C-alpha cells in the first residue's frame, strides 16, 4: 500500500535501514477519519521520492509533468505488509511509483489502492482481480455514511443508492 504521511516519513528520518520503530501511520488528514493505526515497522529503504512516469499518456503528465516528486519517502514492513510512505499526496496512477522504490509491483501478491477508478489504467494490466472495499472517512464508497446535514430530502443519488 502507498500512503501519504509526511509525519511518519519524518519520524523515520534518523532510523537506520533495518531499524525498527513503533509508528502511528495514516489517519491524520480528516476529522472523519478514525485516526492512525499504530504498527511496529521495520525500515526497508528511504528515497527522495523522484521518479519518471512510465505512462507518458497519463493525465498526470498534464498536471505534474513526466518527472514526479513524491517528497521524501520511506518503505517500511509490518509483518508481511509492505507500506510505501510518501511526503506528498499522489494519485496511484503509475507503477513507476513502486519501481522507483525498488519494488516490482508484478511480484506483489496484493496491492491496496485508495482510488475510485483512475488506477485501473496502471494496475489493470497486472491485476488478476479487483475488489472495492467500503472504508470509513471522507472517501467512503457508501455516500449515505457521510454526515450530510443541510440537504433537502429526497436527494438523488443519495436516497436511491443500493450498496
C-alpha atoms as a PDB file:
ATOM      1  CA  UNK A   1       0.000   0.000   0.000  1.00  0.00           C
ATOM      2  CA  UNK A   2       1.173   3.543  -0.744  1.00  0.00           C
ATOM      3  CA  UNK A   3       0.135   6.231   1.722  1.00  0.00           C
ATOM      4  CA  UNK A   4       0.881   9.945   2.007  1.00  0.00           C
ATOM      5  CA  UNK A   5       2.032  10.510   5.587  1.00  0.00           C
ATOM      6  CA  UNK A   6       4.772  13.142   5.905  1.00  0.00           C
ATOM      7  CA  UNK A   7       4.810  12.873   9.725  1.00  0.00           C
ATOM      8  CA  UNK A   8       5.614   9.161   9.554  1.00  0.00           C
ATOM      9  CA  UNK A   9       8.325   9.772   6.945  1.00  0.00           C
ATOM     10  CA  UNK A  10       9.846  12.455   9.198  1.00  0.00           C
ATOM     11  CA  UNK A  11       9.718  10.123  12.216  1.00  0.00           C
ATOM     12  CA  UNK A  12      11.806   7.614  10.233  1.00  0.00           C
ATOM     13  CA  UNK A  13      14.489  10.177   9.314  1.00  0.00           C
ATOM     14  CA  UNK A  14      17.014   9.042  11.922  1.00  0.00           C
ATOM     15  CA  UNK A  15      16.101   5.351  11.974  1.00  0.00           C
ATOM     16  CA  UNK A  16      18.809   3.206  10.347  1.00  0.00           C
ATOM     17  CA  UNK A  17      17.865   0.921   7.461  1.00  0.00           C
ATOM     18  CA  UNK A  18      16.755  -2.329   9.078  1.00  0.00           C
ATOM     19  CA  UNK A  19      15.869  -0.465  12.261  1.00  0.00           C
ATOM     20  CA  UNK A  20      12.530  -0.986  13.966  1.00  0.00           C
ATOM     21  CA  UNK A  21      10.131   1.590  15.379  1.00  0.00           C
ATOM     22  CA  UNK A  22       6.541   1.804  16.574  1.00  0.00           C
ATOM     23  CA  UNK A  23       4.797   4.284  14.302  1.00  0.00           C
ATOM     24  CA  UNK A  24       1.282   5.786  14.047  1.00  0.00           C
ATOM     25  CA  UNK A  25       0.547   5.527  10.308  1.00  0.00           C
ATOM     26  CA  UNK A  26      -2.172   7.333   8.331  1.00  0.00           C
ATOM     27  CA  UNK A  27      -5.440   8.682   9.696  1.00  0.00           C
ATOM     28  CA  UNK A  28      -4.188  12.242  10.110  1.00  0.00           C
ATOM     29  CA  UNK A  29      -5.925  14.028   7.249  1.00  0.00           C
ATOM     30  CA  UNK A  30      -9.610  14.344   8.100  1.00  0.00           C
ATOM     31  CA  UNK A  31     -11.847  14.704  11.148  1.00  0.00           C
ATOM     32  CA  UNK A  32     -14.000  11.962   9.556  1.00  0.00           C
ATOM     33  CA  UNK A  33     -11.079   9.529   9.752  1.00  0.00           C
ATOM     34  CA  UNK A  34     -10.937   7.267  12.821  1.00  0.00           C
ATOM     35  CA  UNK A  35      -7.243   8.090  13.305  1.00  0.00           C
ATOM     36  CA  UNK A  36      -3.887   6.435  12.729  1.00  0.00           C
ATOM     37  CA  UNK A  37      -3.053   2.760  13.053  1.00  0.00           C
ATOM     38  CA  UNK A  38      -0.045   2.168  15.288  1.00  0.00           C
ATOM     39  CA  UNK A  39       2.255  -0.501  13.861  1.00  0.00           C
ATOM     40  CA  UNK A  40       5.645  -1.958  14.699  1.00  0.00           C
ATOM     41  CA  UNK A  41       7.571  -1.458  11.453  1.00  0.00           C
ATOM     42  CA  UNK A  42      10.997  -2.159  10.027  1.00  0.00           C
ATOM     43  CA  UNK A  43      12.567   0.499   7.794  1.00  0.00           C
ATOM     44  CA  UNK A  44      13.442  -1.080   4.442  1.00  0.00           C
ATOM     45  CA  UNK A  45      14.547   1.982   2.456  1.00  0.00           C
ATOM     46  CA  UNK A  46      14.407   5.757   2.076  1.00  0.00           C
ATOM     47  CA  UNK A  47      14.468   7.925  -1.038  1.00  0.00           C
ATOM     48  CA  UNK A  48      13.922  11.435  -2.342  1.00  0.00           C
ATOM     49  CA  UNK A  49      10.682  10.243  -3.979  1.00  0.00           C
ATOM     50  CA  UNK A  50      11.529  11.378  -7.508  1.00  0.00           C
ATOM     51  CA  UNK A  51      10.531   9.154 -10.423  1.00  0.00           C
ATOM     52  CA  UNK A  52       9.614   9.325 -14.097  1.00  0.00           C
ATOM     53  CA  UNK A  53       6.109   8.343 -15.139  1.00  0.00           C
ATOM     54  CA  UNK A  54       6.012   5.098 -17.095  1.00  0.00           C
ATOM     55  CA  UNK A  55       2.728   6.054 -18.770  1.00  0.00           C
ATOM     56  CA  UNK A  56       3.579   9.140 -20.818  1.00  0.00           C
ATOM     57  CA  UNK A  57      -0.115   9.390 -21.812  1.00  0.00           C
ATOM     58  CA  UNK A  58      -1.276   9.663 -18.220  1.00  0.00           C
ATOM     59  CA  UNK A  59      -3.289  12.755 -17.388  1.00  0.00           C
ATOM     60  CA  UNK A  60      -0.717  13.281 -14.617  1.00  0.00           C
ATOM     61  CA  UNK A  61       1.702  14.463 -17.321  1.00  0.00           C
ATOM     62  CA  UNK A  62      -0.525  17.474 -17.969  1.00  0.00           C
ATOM     63  CA  UNK A  63      -0.781  18.452 -14.323  1.00  0.00           C
ATOM     64  CA  UNK A  64       2.552  17.298 -12.838  1.00  0.00           C
ATOM     65  CA  UNK A  65       4.895  16.654 -15.772  1.00  0.00           C
ATOM     66  CA  UNK A  66       6.817  13.475 -16.611  1.00  0.00           C
ATOM     67  CA  UNK A  67       9.041  13.708 -13.528  1.00  0.00           C
ATOM     68  CA  UNK A  68       7.091  13.204 -10.304  1.00  0.00           C
ATOM     69  CA  UNK A  69       8.143  14.410  -6.866  1.00  0.00           C
ATOM     70  CA  UNK A  70       6.543  12.453  -4.006  1.00  0.00           C
ATOM     71  CA  UNK A  71       8.779  14.210  -1.482  1.00  0.00           C
ATOM     72  CA  UNK A  72      10.946  12.218   0.897  1.00  0.00           C
ATOM     73  CA  UNK A  73       9.720   8.605   1.048  1.00  0.00           C
ATOM     74  CA  UNK A  74      10.223   5.551   3.221  1.00  0.00           C
ATOM     75  CA  UNK A  75       9.367   1.910   2.659  1.00  0.00           C
ATOM     76  CA  UNK A  76       8.502   0.001   5.814  1.00  0.00           C
ATOM     77  CA  UNK A  77       7.343  -3.532   6.554  1.00  0.00           C
ATOM     78  CA  UNK A  78       4.891  -4.673   9.182  1.00  0.00           C
ATOM     79  CA  UNK A  79       4.817  -8.450   9.295  1.00  0.00           C
ATOM     80  CA  UNK A  80       4.233  -9.373   5.616  1.00  0.00           C
ATOM     81  CA  UNK A  81       2.829  -5.977   4.639  1.00  0.00           C
ATOM     82  CA  UNK A  82       4.948  -3.517   2.626  1.00  0.00           C
ATOM     83  CA  UNK A  83       3.978   0.155   3.008  1.00  0.00           C
ATOM     84  CA  UNK A  84       5.305   2.994   0.862  1.00  0.00           C
ATOM     85  CA  UNK A  85       5.081   6.226   2.857  1.00  0.00           C
ATOM     86  CA  UNK A  86       5.309   9.449   0.846  1.00  0.00           C
ATOM     87  CA  UNK A  87       5.523  13.080   1.957  1.00  0.00           C
ATOM     88  CA  UNK A  88       3.242  14.376  -0.793  1.00  0.00           C
ATOM     89  CA  UNK A  89      -0.120  13.079  -1.953  1.00  0.00           C
ATOM     90  CA  UNK A  90      -0.082  11.430  -5.353  1.00  0.00           C
ATOM     91  CA  UNK A  91      -2.856   9.569  -7.128  1.00  0.00           C
ATOM     92  CA  UNK A  92      -1.912   5.887  -7.611  1.00  0.00           C
ATOM     93  CA  UNK A  93      -1.938   6.113 -11.405  1.00  0.00           C
ATOM     94  CA  UNK A  94       1.528   4.844 -12.344  1.00  0.00           C
ATOM     95  CA  UNK A  95       3.514   1.716 -11.495  1.00  0.00           C
ATOM     96  CA  UNK A  96       6.717   3.765 -11.633  1.00  0.00           C
ATOM     97  CA  UNK A  97       5.833   4.939  -8.132  1.00  0.00           C
ATOM     98  CA  UNK A  98       6.619   1.431  -6.868  1.00  0.00           C
ATOM     99  CA  UNK A  99       9.576   0.697  -9.122  1.00  0.00           C
ATOM    100  CA  UNK A 100      11.273   3.930  -8.032  1.00  0.00           C
ATOM    101  CA  UNK A 101      11.379   2.457  -4.527  1.00  0.00           C
ATOM    102  CA  UNK A 102      12.909  -0.832  -5.635  1.00  0.00           C
ATOM    103  CA  UNK A 103       9.578  -2.681  -5.538  1.00  0.00           C
ATOM    104  CA  UNK A 104       8.337  -4.645  -8.541  1.00  0.00           C
ATOM    105  CA  UNK A 105       4.521  -4.392  -8.358  1.00  0.00           C
ATOM    106  CA  UNK A 106       4.099  -7.506 -10.521  1.00  0.00           C
ATOM    107  CA  UNK A 107       5.734  -9.552  -7.758  1.00  0.00           C
ATOM    108  CA  UNK A 108       3.349  -8.399  -5.008  1.00  0.00           C
ATOM    109  CA  UNK A 109       0.527 -10.756  -4.076  1.00  0.00           C
ATOM    110  CA  UNK A 110      -1.840  -7.871  -3.308  1.00  0.00           C
ATOM    111  CA  UNK A 111      -1.766  -4.069  -3.582  1.00  0.00           C
ATOM    112  CA  UNK A 112      -4.070  -1.819  -1.580  1.00  0.00           C
ATOM    113  CA  UNK A 113      -5.066   1.193  -3.666  1.00  0.00           C
ATOM    114  CA  UNK A 114      -7.023   4.144  -2.344  1.00  0.00           C
ATOM    115  CA  UNK A 115      -8.709   5.351  -5.527  1.00  0.00           C
ATOM    116  CA  UNK A 116     -12.036   5.140  -7.286  1.00  0.00           C
ATOM    117  CA  UNK A 117     -11.263   4.278 -10.910  1.00  0.00           C
ATOM    118  CA  UNK A 118      -8.201   6.208 -12.127  1.00  0.00           C
ATOM    119  CA  UNK A 119      -5.801   3.468 -11.000  1.00  0.00           C
ATOM    120  CA  UNK A 120      -7.222   0.917 -13.432  1.00  0.00           C
ATOM    121  CA  UNK A 121      -5.082   2.009 -16.390  1.00  0.00           C
ATOM    122  CA  UNK A 122      -1.887   1.267 -14.459  1.00  0.00           C
ATOM    123  CA  UNK A 123      -2.972  -1.683 -12.353  1.00  0.00           C
ATOM    124  CA  UNK A 124      -5.444  -3.358 -14.711  1.00  0.00           C
ATOM    125  CA  UNK A 125      -2.640  -4.915 -16.725  1.00  0.00           C
ATOM    126  CA  UNK A 126      -1.093  -6.661 -13.715  1.00  0.00           C
ATOM    127  CA  UNK A 127      -4.161  -7.422 -11.566  1.00  0.00           C
ATOM    128  CA  UNK A 128      -5.785 -10.852 -11.558  1.00  0.00           C
ATOM    129  CA  UNK A 129      -8.751  -9.491  -9.571  1.00  0.00           C
ATOM    130  CA  UNK A 130     -10.066  -6.238  -8.140  1.00  0.00           C
ATOM    131  CA  UNK A 131     -12.187  -5.644  -5.035  1.00  0.00           C
ATOM    132  CA  UNK A 132     -13.909  -2.469  -3.852  1.00  0.00           C
ATOM    133  CA  UNK A 133     -13.760  -2.042  -0.090  1.00  0.00           C
ATOM    134  CA  UNK A 134     -16.116   0.284   1.747  1.00  0.00           C
ATOM    135  CA  UNK A 135     -13.984   2.213   4.230  1.00  0.00           C
ATOM    136  CA  UNK A 136     -14.726   4.908   6.767  1.00  0.00           C
ATOM    137  CA  UNK A 137     -13.666   8.516   6.343  1.00  0.00           C
ATOM    138  CA  UNK A 138     -14.282  11.147   3.650  1.00  0.00           C
ATOM    139  CA  UNK A 139     -13.583   8.781   0.716  1.00  0.00           C
ATOM    140  CA  UNK A 140     -16.156   6.121   1.503  1.00  0.00           C
ATOM    141  CA  UNK A 141     -17.841   4.197  -1.296  1.00  0.00           C
ATOM    142  CA  UNK A 142     -21.137   4.480   0.608  1.00  0.00           C
ATOM    143  CA  UNK A 143     -22.168   8.136   0.312  1.00  0.00           C
ATOM    144  CA  UNK A 144     -25.055   7.606   2.730  1.00  0.00           C
ATOM    145  CA  UNK A 145     -22.482   7.243   5.546  1.00  0.00           C
ATOM    146  CA  UNK A 146     -21.323  10.856   5.190  1.00  0.00           C
ATOM    147  CA  UNK A 147     -22.814  13.399   7.604  1.00  0.00           C
ATOM    148  CA  UNK A 148     -24.908  15.411   5.151  1.00  0.00           C
ATOM    149  CA  UNK A 149     -26.790  17.889   7.358  1.00  0.00           C
ATOM    150  CA  UNK A 150     -28.025  20.629   5.018  1.00  0.00           C
ATOM    151  CA  UNK A 151     -29.742  18.678   2.274  1.00  0.00           C
ATOM    152  CA  UNK A 152     -33.436  18.652   1.491  1.00  0.00           C
ATOM    153  CA  UNK A 153     -34.673  15.086   1.116  1.00  0.00           C
ATOM    154  CA  UNK A 154     -35.013  13.163  -1.091  1.00  0.00           C
ATOM    155  CA  UNK A 155     -31.776  13.878  -2.963  1.00  0.00           C
ATOM    156  CA  UNK A 156     -30.613  11.857  -5.954  1.00  0.00           C
ATOM    157  CA  UNK A 157     -28.481   9.751  -5.854  1.00  0.00           C
ATOM    158  CA  UNK A 158     -28.090   9.614  -2.062  1.00  0.00           C
ATOM    159  CA  UNK A 159     -31.601   8.392  -1.370  1.00  0.00           C
ATOM    160  CA  UNK A 160     -31.609   5.927  -4.280  1.00  0.00           C
ATOM    161  CA  UNK A 161     -28.280   4.160  -3.617  1.00  0.00           C
ATOM    162  CA  UNK A 162     -28.177   0.419  -3.102  1.00  0.00           C
ATOM    163  CA  UNK A 163     -24.752  -0.607  -1.893  1.00  0.00           C
END
